[in-house]
Amino acid sequence: MMAIGKSIEQQIKNKNMSLKEFSKEADISYNTLYAIVKRDNATIKPEILRKIAKTLDIQLSDLFDTGEEITYYNLEDGTRDTIKKDVNGVVTRHIHLGNFSVGESSHDSSENALLSCFRQLNFVGKKEALKRIEELSLIPKYISTKETPTTQ
């Protein structure tokens, strides 16, 4: 299993770029990129991972090995992001705030849209959004009877 830092470093080498060149093109601090690839730092902000994948012109899932997980703790708003690639190649992201978690999958656009809105909120807004989602999940007419979400 190749760790994510080594995977990113290999992808950059495949583009015949130095870390310094890549950091400028990706608009990422050189020190941040260095820490990721040389120290194999597994606490990478999801936004940084997206910039790396976009600059490499690859899918986010291409950076991960199956079962690999990245966790980032956001001290500003108290959330914890966990990103993981499953055996089917699906990358999932969960944002945890207290005992509640909001998920995002590379295969679920409605959850991605919800998460996109959620990310725009401050700490108080996130707490309120989670409270409202919890309330909706208790109302029978909004509860999905299938494993996959329904859209209406």
C-alpha atoms as a PDB file:
ATOM      1  CA  MET A   1       0.000   0.000   0.000  1.00  0.00           C
ATOM      2  CA  MET A   2       1.430   3.357  -1.039  1.00  0.00           C
ATOM      3  CA  ALA A   3       0.780   6.145   1.446  1.00  0.00           C
ATOM      4  CA  ILE A   4      -0.937   9.236   0.109  1.00  0.00           C
ATOM      5  CA  GLY A   5       2.172  11.427   0.334  1.00  0.00           C
ATOM      6  CA  LYS A   6       4.192   8.994  -1.757  1.00  0.00           C
ATOM      7  CA  SER A   7       1.299   8.665  -4.203  1.00  0.00           C
ATOM      8  CA  ILE A   8       1.143  12.452  -4.643  1.00  0.00           C
ATOM      9  CA  GLU A   9       4.914  12.682  -5.032  1.00  0.00           C
ATOM     10  CA  GLN A  10       4.850   9.980  -7.723  1.00  0.00           C
ATOM     11  CA  GLN A  11       2.021  11.722  -9.587  1.00  0.00           C
ATOM     12  CA  ILE A  12       4.005  14.999  -9.545  1.00  0.00           C
ATOM     13  CA  LYS A  13       7.102  13.200 -10.854  1.00  0.00           C
ATOM     14  CA  ASN A  14       4.954  11.678 -13.625  1.00  0.00           C
ATOM     15  CA  LYS A  15       4.130  15.253 -14.714  1.00  0.00           C
ATOM     16  CA  ASN A  16       7.893  16.016 -14.790  1.00  0.00           C
ATOM     17  CA  MET A  17       7.477  18.804 -12.239  1.00  0.00           C
ATOM     18  CA  SER A  18       9.420  19.731  -9.131  1.00  0.00           C
ATOM     19  CA  LEU A  19       7.595  20.203  -5.827  1.00  0.00           C
ATOM     20  CA  LYS A  20       8.269  23.933  -6.040  1.00  0.00           C
ATOM     21  CA  GLU A  21       6.819  24.183  -9.565  1.00  0.00           C
ATOM     22  CA  PHE A  22       3.805  22.101  -8.599  1.00  0.00           C
ATOM     23  CA  SER A  23       3.124  24.091  -5.417  1.00  0.00           C
ATOM     24  CA  LYS A  24       2.987  27.306  -7.471  1.00  0.00           C
ATOM     25  CA  GLU A  25       0.712  25.807 -10.131  1.00  0.00           C
ATOM     26  CA  ALA A  26      -1.602  24.283  -7.515  1.00  0.00           C
ATOM     27  CA  ASP A  27      -1.572  27.451  -5.381  1.00  0.00           C
ATOM     28  CA  ILE A  28      -0.407  25.485  -2.344  1.00  0.00           C
ATOM     29  CA  SER A  29       2.340  26.555   0.022  1.00  0.00           C
ATOM     30  CA  TYR A  30       5.605  24.768  -0.756  1.00  0.00           C
ATOM     31  CA  ASN A  31       6.024  23.943   2.964  1.00  0.00           C
ATOM     32  CA  THR A  32       2.578  22.334   3.044  1.00  0.00           C
ATOM     33  CA  LEU A  33       3.271  20.255  -0.064  1.00  0.00           C
ATOM     34  CA  TYR A  34       6.690  19.269   1.272  1.00  0.00           C
ATOM     35  CA  ALA A  35       5.155  18.102   4.566  1.00  0.00           C
ATOM     36  CA  ILE A  36       2.611  16.009   2.673  1.00  0.00           C
ATOM     37  CA  VAL A  37       5.029  14.243   0.337  1.00  0.00           C
ATOM     38  CA  LYS A  38       8.272  14.046   2.334  1.00  0.00           C
ATOM     39  CA  ARG A  39       6.855  13.468   5.803  1.00  0.00           C
ATOM     40  CA  ASP A  40       3.841  11.613   4.442  1.00  0.00           C
ATOM     41  CA  ASN A  41       1.624  13.868   6.501  1.00  0.00           C
ATOM     42  CA  ALA A  42      -1.795  12.209   6.825  1.00  0.00           C
ATOM     43  CA  THR A  43      -3.540  15.296   8.196  1.00  0.00           C
ATOM     44  CA  ILE A  44      -4.306  17.030   4.929  1.00  0.00           C
ATOM     45  CA  LYS A  45      -7.081  19.572   4.509  1.00  0.00           C
ATOM     46  CA  PRO A  46      -9.670  18.294   2.027  1.00  0.00           C
ATOM     47  CA  GLU A  47      -9.392  21.558   0.099  1.00  0.00           C
ATOM     48  CA  ILE A  48      -5.650  20.932  -0.393  1.00  0.00           C
ATOM     49  CA  LEU A  49      -6.353  17.414  -1.662  1.00  0.00           C
ATOM     50  CA  ARG A  50      -8.850  18.816  -4.168  1.00  0.00           C
ATOM     51  CA  LYS A  51      -6.311  21.388  -5.405  1.00  0.00           C
ATOM     52  CA  ILE A  52      -3.695  18.647  -5.804  1.00  0.00           C
ATOM     53  CA  ALA A  53      -6.062  16.344  -7.715  1.00  0.00           C
ATOM     54  CA  LYS A  54      -7.286  19.196  -9.933  1.00  0.00           C
ATOM     55  CA  THR A  55      -3.751  20.324 -10.769  1.00  0.00           C
ATOM     56  CA  LEU A  56      -2.728  16.735 -11.501  1.00  0.00           C
ATOM     57  CA  ASP A  57      -5.879  16.405 -13.644  1.00  0.00           C
ATOM     58  CA  ILE A  58      -6.929  13.240 -11.829  1.00  0.00           C
ATOM     59  CA  GLN A  59      -9.835  12.122  -9.649  1.00  0.00           C
ATOM     60  CA  LEU A  60      -9.481  12.512  -5.897  1.00  0.00           C
ATOM     61  CA  SER A  61      -9.830   8.729  -5.585  1.00  0.00           C
ATOM     62  CA  ASP A  62      -6.641   8.281  -7.642  1.00  0.00           C
ATOM     63  CA  LEU A  63      -4.627   9.680  -4.732  1.00  0.00           C
ATOM     64  CA  PHE A  64      -5.829   7.033  -2.274  1.00  0.00           C
ATOM     65  CA  ASP A  65      -5.136   3.345  -1.866  1.00  0.00           C
ATOM     66  CA  THR A  66      -8.094   1.138  -0.924  1.00  0.00           C
ATOM     67  CA  GLY A  67      -8.820   1.466   2.781  1.00  0.00           C
ATOM     68  CA  GLU A  68      -6.596   4.512   3.202  1.00  0.00           C
ATOM     69  CA  GLU A  69      -8.021   7.218   5.424  1.00  0.00           C
ATOM     70  CA  ILE A  70      -7.099  10.857   5.973  1.00  0.00           C
ATOM     71  CA  THR A  71      -8.348  12.836   8.973  1.00  0.00           C
ATOM     72  CA  TYR A  72      -8.188  16.604   9.394  1.00  0.00           C
ATOM     73  CA  TYR A  73      -9.165  18.418  12.577  1.00  0.00           C
ATOM     74  CA  ASN A  74     -10.432  21.960  12.054  1.00  0.00           C
ATOM     75  CA  LEU A  75      -9.711  23.828  15.266  1.00  0.00           C
ATOM     76  CA  GLU A  76     -11.617  26.915  14.102  1.00  0.00           C
ATOM     77  CA  ASP A  77     -15.044  25.291  14.029  1.00  0.00           C
ATOM     78  CA  GLY A  78     -14.506  22.084  15.996  1.00  0.00           C
ATOM     79  CA  THR A  79     -15.207  19.766  13.069  1.00  0.00           C
ATOM     80  CA  ARG A  80     -13.283  16.662  12.034  1.00  0.00           C
ATOM     81  CA  ASP A  81     -13.093  15.626   8.374  1.00  0.00           C
ATOM     82  CA  THR A  82     -12.471  11.987   7.502  1.00  0.00           C
ATOM     83  CA  ILE A  83     -11.810  10.971   3.900  1.00  0.00           C
ATOM     84  CA  LYS A  84     -11.560   7.290   2.953  1.00  0.00           C
ATOM     85  CA  LYS A  85     -11.471   5.145  -0.182  1.00  0.00           C
ATOM     86  CA  ASP A  86     -13.445   1.893  -0.026  1.00  0.00           C
ATOM     87  CA  VAL A  87     -12.867  -1.390  -1.869  1.00  0.00           C
ATOM     88  CA  ASN A  88     -15.098  -0.216  -4.740  1.00  0.00           C
ATOM     89  CA  GLY A  89     -12.957   2.873  -5.299  1.00  0.00           C
ATOM     90  CA  VAL A  90     -15.571   5.223  -3.852  1.00  0.00           C
ATOM     91  CA  VAL A  91     -14.111   8.100  -1.862  1.00  0.00           C
ATOM     92  CA  THR A  92     -16.278   9.211   1.040  1.00  0.00           C
ATOM     93  CA  ARG A  93     -15.928  12.250   3.230  1.00  0.00           C
ATOM     94  CA  HIS A  94     -17.568  12.713   6.606  1.00  0.00           C
ATOM     95  CA  ILE A  95     -17.623  15.921   8.578  1.00  0.00           C
ATOM     96  CA  HIS A  96     -18.097  15.225  12.269  1.00  0.00           C
ATOM     97  CA  LEU A  97     -19.346  17.807  14.748  1.00  0.00           C
ATOM     98  CA  GLY A  98     -19.924  16.382  18.173  1.00  0.00           C
ATOM     99  CA  ASN A  99     -21.888  13.140  17.804  1.00  0.00           C
ATOM    100  CA  PHE A 100     -23.310  14.030  14.396  1.00  0.00           C
ATOM    101  CA  SER A 101     -21.760  13.362  11.004  1.00  0.00           C
ATOM    102  CA  VAL A 102     -22.533  14.661   7.508  1.00  0.00           C
ATOM    103  CA  GLY A 103     -21.296  12.460   4.686  1.00  0.00           C
ATOM    104  CA  GLU A 104     -20.192  13.012   1.109  1.00  0.00           C
ATOM    105  CA  SER A 105     -19.513  10.365  -1.503  1.00  0.00           C
ATOM    106  CA  SER A 106     -17.890  10.635  -4.888  1.00  0.00           C
ATOM    107  CA  HIS A 107     -21.081   8.941  -6.177  1.00  0.00           C
ATOM    108  CA  ASP A 108     -23.816  11.013  -4.517  1.00  0.00           C
ATOM    109  CA  SER A 109     -24.503  14.484  -5.926  1.00  0.00           C
ATOM    110  CA  SER A 110     -27.344  15.375  -3.527  1.00  0.00           C
ATOM    111  CA  GLU A 111     -25.125  14.822  -0.496  1.00  0.00           C
ATOM    112  CA  ASN A 112     -22.348  16.757  -2.218  1.00  0.00           C
ATOM    113  CA  ALA A 113     -24.727  19.701  -2.725  1.00  0.00           C
ATOM    114  CA  LEU A 114     -25.788  19.548   0.915  1.00  0.00           C
ATOM    115  CA  LEU A 115     -22.189  19.410   2.042  1.00  0.00           C
ATOM    116  CA  SER A 116     -21.271  22.322  -0.212  1.00  0.00           C
ATOM    117  CA  CYS A 117     -23.915  24.471   1.511  1.00  0.00           C
ATOM    118  CA  PHE A 118     -22.838  23.170   4.927  1.00  0.00           C
ATOM    119  CA  ARG A 119     -19.225  24.240   4.311  1.00  0.00           C
ATOM    120  CA  GLN A 120     -20.330  27.850   3.823  1.00  0.00           C
ATOM    121  CA  LEU A 121     -21.706  28.066   7.364  1.00  0.00           C
ATOM    122  CA  ASN A 122     -19.868  29.268  10.450  1.00  0.00           C
ATOM    123  CA  PHE A 123     -19.697  27.156  13.630  1.00  0.00           C
ATOM    124  CA  VAL A 124     -23.096  28.344  14.928  1.00  0.00           C
ATOM    125  CA  GLY A 125     -24.710  27.791  11.533  1.00  0.00           C
ATOM    126  CA  LYS A 126     -23.263  24.266  11.315  1.00  0.00           C
ATOM    127  CA  LYS A 127     -24.670  23.389  14.734  1.00  0.00           C
ATOM    128  CA  GLU A 128     -28.094  24.715  13.705  1.00  0.00           C
ATOM    129  CA  ALA A 129     -27.999  22.857  10.353  1.00  0.00           C
ATOM    130  CA  LEU A 130     -27.158  19.588  12.084  1.00  0.00           C
ATOM    131  CA  LYS A 131     -29.997  20.130  14.560  1.00  0.00           C
ATOM    132  CA  ARG A 132     -32.473  20.703  11.695  1.00  0.00           C
ATOM    133  CA  ILE A 133     -31.251  17.656   9.763  1.00  0.00           C
ATOM    134  CA  GLU A 134     -31.658  15.558  12.906  1.00  0.00           C
ATOM    135  CA  GLU A 135     -35.225  16.879  13.238  1.00  0.00           C
ATOM    136  CA  LEU A 136     -36.012  16.043   9.585  1.00  0.00           C
ATOM    137  CA  SER A 137     -34.654  12.532  10.061  1.00  0.00           C
ATOM    138  CA  LEU A 138     -37.369  11.937  12.688  1.00  0.00           C
ATOM    139  CA  ILE A 139     -40.287  12.840  10.394  1.00  0.00           C
ATOM    140  CA  PRO A 140     -41.584   9.694   8.631  1.00  0.00           C
ATOM    141  CA  LYS A 141     -42.408  11.394   5.320  1.00  0.00           C
ATOM    142  CA  TYR A 142     -38.723  12.403   4.913  1.00  0.00           C
ATOM    143  CA  ILE A 143     -37.195   9.047   5.856  1.00  0.00           C
ATOM    144  CA  SER A 144     -35.948   6.923   2.986  1.00  0.00           C
ATOM    145  CA  THR A 145     -37.131   3.324   3.031  1.00  0.00           C
ATOM    146  CA  LYS A 146     -34.348   2.317   0.654  1.00  0.00           C
ATOM    147  CA  GLU A 147     -30.612   2.178   1.279  1.00  0.00           C
ATOM    148  CA  THR A 148     -30.033   4.792  -1.413  1.00  0.00           C
ATOM    149  CA  PRO A 149     -31.448   8.309  -1.043  1.00  0.00           C
ATOM    150  CA  THR A 150     -34.539   9.219  -3.035  1.00  0.00           C
ATOM    151  CA  THR A 151     -34.916  12.497  -4.870  1.00  0.00           C
ATOM    152  CA  GLN A 152     -38.206  14.346  -5.295  1.00  0.00           C
END
